[in-house]
Structures are given as structure tokens and as C-alpha cells.
Amino acid sequence: MKGKISDEDFATMKKAIADEIEHIEHGLKRLDEERSGVQELAKTKEYELKNLAESWKNGDLNYRVELQFALAPEGLHWSVKKGF
């Protein structure tokens, strides 16, 4: 392109750039909210792991099954010799 751009073209580009900036800022805000949520979840899970017996006692059946598979993916094995 040679020469000057028109005021109308400049206004159009300025609007498009402003819209893109707004879109990016909105995405950044969503990512920040998601990061905060993941950090909170990590803190909760860390607490649960530190207090495993309490978490097991307070958890429902689904929670206990999920925890069992997380800790022992191959399943828990019964030992006749050891009794557990």
C-alpha cells in the first residue's frame, strides 16, 4: 500500500484492534480464574492427602473408590498370610 490510509480505514482498524485486545483480556481473565480454581483444588487435595484417614472416614463410597484407585491402580490385594 502506498500513500495515506483514509480516516475511515484507520477507524475500522482501530476498532478491530480494540475488539481483539478486549477478547484477549477476557481470555486472560478466564485463565486467571481457572488458575485460581486449580490452585484451590490443589490445596484441598494436599490437605486430604495429609489427613488421609480423616478424608477416608468422611468420604462417601464414590470418594473411597476414587481414592483407592488413585493410591493402588492395580487394586488392593488380600494376603491370607498377613491377614490384610
N, C-alpha and C. Protein backbone atom coordinates (compact mmCIF):
# COMPACT_ATOMS: atom_id res chain seq x y z
N MET A 1 0.83 -1.17 0.00
CA MET A 1 0.00 0.00 0.00
C MET A 1 0.88 1.24 0.00
N LYS A 2 0.55 2.16 -0.84
CA LYS A 2 1.32 3.39 -0.91
C LYS A 2 0.42 4.54 -0.51
N GLY A 3 1.04 5.51 0.10
CA GLY A 3 0.28 6.70 0.44
C GLY A 3 -0.35 6.60 1.82
N LYS A 4 -1.34 7.42 2.04
CA LYS A 4 -2.00 7.50 3.32
C LYS A 4 -3.24 6.61 3.35
N ILE A 5 -3.59 6.20 4.58
CA ILE A 5 -4.86 5.48 4.73
C ILE A 5 -5.95 6.49 5.09
N SER A 6 -7.14 6.16 4.74
CA SER A 6 -8.24 7.09 4.99
C SER A 6 -8.61 7.06 6.47
N ASP A 7 -9.28 8.09 6.92
CA ASP A 7 -9.75 8.15 8.30
C ASP A 7 -10.71 7.00 8.59
N GLU A 8 -11.50 6.64 7.61
CA GLU A 8 -12.46 5.53 7.77
C GLU A 8 -11.71 4.21 7.96
N ASP A 9 -10.67 3.97 7.15
CA ASP A 9 -9.89 2.75 7.30
C ASP A 9 -9.18 2.72 8.66
N PHE A 10 -8.66 3.88 9.06
CA PHE A 10 -7.99 3.98 10.36
C PHE A 10 -8.96 3.66 11.50
N ALA A 11 -10.16 4.20 11.43
CA ALA A 11 -11.17 3.96 12.47
C ALA A 11 -11.56 2.48 12.49
N THR A 12 -11.68 1.88 11.31
CA THR A 12 -12.03 0.46 11.24
C THR A 12 -10.94 -0.40 11.88
N MET A 13 -9.69 -0.12 11.55
CA MET A 13 -8.58 -0.89 12.14
C MET A 13 -8.48 -0.65 13.65
N LYS A 14 -8.67 0.59 14.06
CA LYS A 14 -8.61 0.91 15.48
C LYS A 14 -9.68 0.14 16.25
N LYS A 15 -10.90 0.04 15.71
CA LYS A 15 -11.99 -0.70 16.33
C LYS A 15 -11.65 -2.19 16.38
N ALA A 16 -11.11 -2.73 15.28
CA ALA A 16 -10.76 -4.16 15.22
C ALA A 16 -9.68 -4.49 16.25
N ILE A 17 -8.69 -3.61 16.38
CA ILE A 17 -7.62 -3.83 17.36
C ILE A 17 -8.17 -3.74 18.76
N ALA A 18 -9.03 -2.78 19.04
CA ALA A 18 -9.64 -2.65 20.37
C ALA A 18 -10.47 -3.88 20.71
N ASP A 19 -11.22 -4.39 19.72
CA ASP A 19 -12.02 -5.60 19.95
C ASP A 19 -11.12 -6.80 20.26
N GLU A 20 -10.01 -6.92 19.54
CA GLU A 20 -9.08 -8.03 19.76
C GLU A 20 -8.43 -7.93 21.14
N ILE A 21 -8.06 -6.73 21.53
CA ILE A 21 -7.49 -6.52 22.88
C ILE A 21 -8.50 -6.92 23.95
N GLU A 22 -9.74 -6.52 23.77
CA GLU A 22 -10.80 -6.88 24.73
C GLU A 22 -10.97 -8.40 24.79
N HIS A 23 -10.95 -9.05 23.64
CA HIS A 23 -11.08 -10.51 23.58
C HIS A 23 -9.92 -11.19 24.31
N ILE A 24 -8.71 -10.71 24.09
CA ILE A 24 -7.53 -11.28 24.75
C ILE A 24 -7.59 -11.04 26.25
N GLU A 25 -7.97 -9.85 26.67
CA GLU A 25 -8.07 -9.55 28.11
C GLU A 25 -9.11 -10.43 28.78
N HIS A 26 -10.22 -10.68 28.07
CA HIS A 26 -11.26 -11.56 28.61
C HIS A 26 -10.72 -12.98 28.77
N GLY A 27 -9.95 -13.45 27.77
CA GLY A 27 -9.34 -14.77 27.85
C GLY A 27 -8.35 -14.86 29.00
N LEU A 28 -7.56 -13.82 29.19
CA LEU A 28 -6.61 -13.79 30.30
C LEU A 28 -7.32 -13.84 31.66
N LYS A 29 -8.43 -13.12 31.75
CA LYS A 29 -9.21 -13.14 32.99
C LYS A 29 -9.74 -14.53 33.27
N ARG A 30 -10.24 -15.22 32.24
CA ARG A 30 -10.76 -16.59 32.41
C ARG A 30 -9.63 -17.54 32.82
N LEU A 31 -8.46 -17.39 32.20
CA LEU A 31 -7.32 -18.23 32.57
C LEU A 31 -6.89 -17.99 34.02
N ASP A 32 -6.91 -16.73 34.45
CA ASP A 32 -6.55 -16.41 35.82
C ASP A 32 -7.55 -17.02 36.81
N GLU A 33 -8.84 -16.96 36.46
CA GLU A 33 -9.86 -17.57 37.31
C GLU A 33 -9.67 -19.09 37.38
N GLU A 34 -9.35 -19.68 36.24
CA GLU A 34 -9.14 -21.13 36.20
C GLU A 34 -7.91 -21.51 37.01
N ARG A 35 -6.85 -20.72 36.89
CA ARG A 35 -5.63 -20.97 37.67
C ARG A 35 -5.92 -20.91 39.16
N SER A 36 -6.69 -19.92 39.57
CA SER A 36 -7.05 -19.79 40.99
C SER A 36 -7.84 -21.02 41.44
N GLY A 37 -8.75 -21.48 40.61
CA GLY A 37 -9.53 -22.66 40.95
C GLY A 37 -8.67 -23.90 41.07
N VAL A 38 -7.72 -24.05 40.16
CA VAL A 38 -6.83 -25.21 40.20
C VAL A 38 -5.94 -25.13 41.44
N GLN A 39 -5.46 -23.95 41.78
CA GLN A 39 -4.63 -23.80 42.98
C GLN A 39 -5.43 -24.16 44.23
N GLU A 40 -6.67 -23.73 44.28
CA GLU A 40 -7.52 -24.05 45.43
C GLU A 40 -7.76 -25.56 45.51
N LEU A 41 -8.02 -26.17 44.37
CA LEU A 41 -8.21 -27.62 44.33
C LEU A 41 -6.95 -28.35 44.79
N ALA A 42 -5.80 -27.87 44.37
CA ALA A 42 -4.53 -28.49 44.78
C ALA A 42 -4.35 -28.38 46.29
N LYS A 43 -4.69 -27.24 46.87
CA LYS A 43 -4.60 -27.07 48.33
C LYS A 43 -5.53 -28.05 49.04
N THR A 44 -6.74 -28.20 48.51
CA THR A 44 -7.71 -29.11 49.11
C THR A 44 -7.20 -30.54 49.04
N LYS A 45 -6.69 -30.94 47.88
CA LYS A 45 -6.18 -32.31 47.72
C LYS A 45 -4.96 -32.54 48.59
N GLU A 46 -4.10 -31.53 48.73
CA GLU A 46 -2.94 -31.66 49.59
C GLU A 46 -3.37 -31.88 51.04
N TYR A 47 -4.39 -31.14 51.48
CA TYR A 47 -4.92 -31.31 52.83
C TYR A 47 -5.49 -32.72 52.99
N GLU A 48 -6.23 -33.18 51.98
CA GLU A 48 -6.82 -34.51 52.05
C GLU A 48 -5.74 -35.59 52.15
N LEU A 49 -4.64 -35.41 51.42
CA LEU A 49 -3.57 -36.41 51.48
C LEU A 49 -2.85 -36.38 52.82
N LYS A 50 -2.72 -35.20 53.40
CA LYS A 50 -2.08 -35.11 54.72
C LYS A 50 -2.98 -35.71 55.79
N ASN A 51 -4.26 -35.67 55.58
CA ASN A 51 -5.23 -36.18 56.54
C ASN A 51 -6.01 -37.33 55.90
N LEU A 52 -5.27 -38.31 55.41
CA LEU A 52 -5.86 -39.39 54.63
C LEU A 52 -6.90 -40.18 55.43
N ALA A 53 -6.61 -40.51 56.66
CA ALA A 53 -7.55 -41.29 57.46
C ALA A 53 -8.85 -40.52 57.66
N GLU A 54 -8.74 -39.25 57.93
CA GLU A 54 -9.93 -38.41 58.14
C GLU A 54 -10.73 -38.28 56.84
N SER A 55 -10.02 -38.10 55.73
CA SER A 55 -10.70 -37.99 54.44
C SER A 55 -11.42 -39.29 54.11
N TRP A 56 -10.78 -40.42 54.38
CA TRP A 56 -11.40 -41.73 54.12
C TRP A 56 -12.67 -41.88 54.96
N LYS A 57 -12.56 -41.50 56.23
CA LYS A 57 -13.70 -41.65 57.15
C LYS A 57 -14.87 -40.75 56.73
N ASN A 58 -14.57 -39.56 56.26
CA ASN A 58 -15.63 -38.60 55.89
C ASN A 58 -16.14 -38.80 54.46
N GLY A 59 -15.40 -39.54 53.64
CA GLY A 59 -15.78 -39.69 52.23
C GLY A 59 -16.91 -40.69 52.03
N ASP A 60 -17.65 -40.47 50.95
CA ASP A 60 -18.70 -41.42 50.59
C ASP A 60 -18.08 -42.57 49.79
N LEU A 61 -18.89 -43.51 49.35
CA LEU A 61 -18.39 -44.68 48.65
C LEU A 61 -17.64 -44.30 47.37
N ASN A 62 -18.18 -43.38 46.59
CA ASN A 62 -17.51 -42.96 45.35
C ASN A 62 -16.14 -42.36 45.64
N TYR A 63 -16.07 -41.53 46.66
CA TYR A 63 -14.79 -40.92 47.03
C TYR A 63 -13.78 -41.99 47.42
N ARG A 64 -14.22 -42.97 48.21
CA ARG A 64 -13.32 -44.02 48.66
C ARG A 64 -12.82 -44.87 47.49
N VAL A 65 -13.71 -45.15 46.54
CA VAL A 65 -13.30 -45.92 45.36
C VAL A 65 -12.28 -45.12 44.55
N GLU A 66 -12.53 -43.83 44.33
CA GLU A 66 -11.59 -42.99 43.59
C GLU A 66 -10.25 -42.92 44.30
N LEU A 67 -10.28 -42.78 45.61
CA LEU A 67 -9.05 -42.71 46.39
C LEU A 67 -8.29 -44.04 46.31
N GLN A 68 -9.01 -45.13 46.41
CA GLN A 68 -8.38 -46.45 46.33
C GLN A 68 -7.66 -46.62 44.99
N PHE A 69 -8.34 -46.28 43.89
CA PHE A 69 -7.72 -46.44 42.58
C PHE A 69 -6.58 -45.45 42.36
N ALA A 70 -6.65 -44.28 43.00
CA ALA A 70 -5.56 -43.32 42.89
C ALA A 70 -4.31 -43.84 43.61
N LEU A 71 -4.51 -44.45 44.76
CA LEU A 71 -3.38 -44.93 45.56
C LEU A 71 -2.91 -46.32 45.12
N ALA A 72 -3.81 -47.15 44.63
CA ALA A 72 -3.47 -48.52 44.22
C ALA A 72 -4.18 -48.84 42.91
N PRO A 73 -3.64 -48.35 41.77
CA PRO A 73 -4.31 -48.53 40.48
C PRO A 73 -4.54 -50.00 40.10
N GLU A 74 -3.68 -50.89 40.57
CA GLU A 74 -3.85 -52.31 40.25
C GLU A 74 -4.86 -52.98 41.19
N GLY A 75 -5.33 -52.23 42.16
CA GLY A 75 -6.27 -52.77 43.14
C GLY A 75 -5.56 -53.18 44.42
N LEU A 76 -6.33 -53.40 45.43
CA LEU A 76 -5.79 -53.85 46.71
C LEU A 76 -5.80 -55.37 46.73
N HIS A 77 -4.73 -55.95 47.21
CA HIS A 77 -4.60 -57.41 47.21
C HIS A 77 -4.72 -57.92 48.64
N TRP A 78 -5.46 -58.98 48.80
CA TRP A 78 -5.66 -59.64 50.10
C TRP A 78 -4.56 -60.67 50.30
N SER A 79 -3.95 -60.64 51.45
CA SER A 79 -2.93 -61.61 51.78
C SER A 79 -3.44 -62.48 52.91
N VAL A 80 -3.61 -63.75 52.64
CA VAL A 80 -4.04 -64.68 53.67
C VAL A 80 -2.97 -64.77 54.77
N LYS A 81 -1.75 -64.75 54.34
CA LYS A 81 -0.63 -64.87 55.28
C LYS A 81 -0.58 -63.67 56.24
N LYS A 82 -0.77 -62.46 55.72
CA LYS A 82 -0.68 -61.26 56.55
C LYS A 82 -2.03 -60.88 57.16
N GLY A 83 -3.09 -61.39 56.61
CA GLY A 83 -4.42 -61.09 57.15
C GLY A 83 -4.97 -59.73 56.74
N PHE A 84 -4.38 -59.11 55.70
CA PHE A 84 -4.92 -57.85 55.18
C PHE A 84 -4.56 -57.70 53.72
